[in-house]
Amino acid sequence: MAERDATDLLPSERMRTTALDGEVTQIHRGHRYADDGETFTIAGTTFEVTAVTERPLGELTDEDARAEGMADLESYRRLLERVHDDFEWDDESTVVRHRFERR
């Protein structure tokens, strides 16, 4: 499988650091940035993308937010609104979940 640049999937340094720490095990993005089985490396540690699925924002849970390093879904929602200028939470909007684990 292909090797991805970690910054494509995890654009912020905070996300890459918390993935290394094991606190982040997935990320939702507006588009598909990787496929199942692809790998990426952070500071010499290889991760494998284990599942990529599309889903509506309205299906996200507190558990999803915690897997992305946030305390709960409301914190996650506020973060998205803060970091994306034109973002407005719409339960029907489709996002792509990328799950990954250390290899």
Protein backbone atom coordinates (compact mmCIF):
# COMPACT_ATOMS: atom_id res chain seq x y z
CA MET A 1 0.00 0.00 0.00
CA ALA A 2 0.93 3.62 -0.39
CA GLU A 3 2.72 5.77 2.16
CA ARG A 4 0.94 9.06 2.87
CA ASP A 5 2.42 12.27 4.20
CA ALA A 6 1.20 12.56 7.80
CA THR A 7 0.45 16.26 7.30
CA ASP A 8 -2.13 15.40 4.62
CA LEU A 9 -4.20 13.44 7.11
CA LEU A 10 -3.27 15.25 10.34
CA PRO A 11 -2.67 18.87 9.35
CA SER A 12 -1.86 20.32 12.77
CA GLU A 13 1.20 19.64 14.90
CA ARG A 14 -1.11 19.10 17.88
CA MET A 15 -2.94 16.30 16.06
CA ARG A 16 0.32 14.58 15.09
CA THR A 17 1.69 14.86 18.63
CA THR A 18 -1.47 13.49 20.23
CA ALA A 19 -1.54 10.64 17.68
CA LEU A 20 2.00 9.74 18.79
CA ASP A 21 0.80 9.85 22.40
CA GLY A 22 -2.08 7.48 21.53
CA GLU A 23 -4.75 10.07 22.37
CA VAL A 24 -5.89 10.54 18.75
CA THR A 25 -6.91 7.45 16.78
CA GLN A 26 -9.13 8.98 14.10
CA ILE A 27 -9.89 12.20 12.29
CA HIS A 28 -12.92 13.39 10.36
CA ARG A 29 -12.17 15.47 7.29
CA GLY A 30 -14.29 17.05 4.58
CA HIS A 31 -12.71 14.80 1.95
CA ARG A 32 -11.00 11.42 1.72
CA TYR A 33 -7.27 11.84 2.40
CA ALA A 34 -6.26 8.17 2.61
CA ASP A 35 -7.50 4.66 1.93
CA ASP A 36 -7.67 1.55 4.09
CA GLY A 37 -4.23 -0.03 4.47
CA GLU A 38 -2.21 3.06 3.63
CA THR A 39 0.45 4.16 6.09
CA PHE A 40 1.96 7.38 7.36
CA THR A 41 4.89 8.11 9.64
CA ILE A 42 5.25 10.58 12.51
CA ALA A 43 8.67 10.97 14.13
CA GLY A 44 9.75 7.50 13.02
CA THR A 45 6.52 5.80 14.14
CA THR A 46 4.42 4.17 11.43
CA PHE A 47 0.62 4.24 11.54
CA GLU A 48 -1.80 2.31 9.35
CA VAL A 49 -5.17 3.61 8.20
CA THR A 50 -7.59 0.88 9.31
CA ALA A 51 -10.95 2.25 8.10
CA VAL A 52 -12.22 5.11 5.98
CA THR A 53 -15.97 5.76 6.03
CA GLU A 54 -18.32 8.55 5.05
CA ARG A 55 -20.95 9.63 7.55
CA PRO A 56 -23.15 12.62 8.38
CA LEU A 57 -21.98 15.04 11.07
CA GLY A 58 -25.18 14.28 12.96
CA GLU A 59 -23.90 10.75 13.67
CA LEU A 60 -20.78 11.89 15.52
CA THR A 61 -20.70 11.10 19.23
CA ASP A 62 -18.75 12.07 22.33
CA GLU A 63 -16.71 8.90 21.73
CA ASP A 64 -15.75 10.17 18.26
CA ALA A 65 -14.72 13.51 19.75
CA ARG A 66 -12.55 11.77 22.37
CA ALA A 67 -10.89 9.67 19.63
CA GLU A 68 -9.91 13.02 18.06
CA GLY A 69 -8.42 14.32 21.30
CA MET A 70 -11.36 16.42 22.47
CA ALA A 71 -13.28 16.20 25.77
CA ASP A 72 -16.70 15.83 24.15
CA LEU A 73 -18.72 16.51 21.01
CA GLU A 74 -19.56 20.09 21.99
CA SER A 75 -15.85 20.90 22.42
CA TYR A 76 -15.16 19.31 19.04
CA ARG A 77 -17.92 21.33 17.42
CA ARG A 78 -16.61 24.60 18.89
CA LEU A 79 -13.09 23.77 17.66
CA LEU A 80 -14.32 23.20 14.11
CA GLU A 81 -16.21 26.49 14.16
CA ARG A 82 -13.11 28.29 15.45
CA VAL A 83 -10.54 26.88 13.01
CA HIS A 84 -12.66 26.92 9.83
CA ASP A 85 -13.78 30.41 8.77
CA ASP A 86 -16.86 29.37 6.83
CA PHE A 87 -17.81 26.29 8.84
CA GLU A 88 -21.37 25.85 10.03
CA TRP A 89 -22.37 22.58 11.72
CA ASP A 90 -25.04 20.83 9.66
CA ASP A 91 -26.12 17.38 10.88
CA GLU A 92 -26.71 16.33 7.25
CA SER A 93 -23.24 17.33 5.96
CA THR A 94 -21.11 14.34 5.04
CA VAL A 95 -17.61 13.97 6.47
CA VAL A 96 -15.01 11.24 6.05
CA ARG A 97 -13.74 9.39 9.12
CA HIS A 98 -10.16 8.08 8.90
CA ARG A 99 -9.31 5.59 11.66
CA PHE A 100 -5.71 4.60 12.23
CA GLU A 101 -3.46 2.71 14.62
CA ARG A 102 0.22 2.22 15.32
CA ARG A 103 1.75 -0.53 13.33
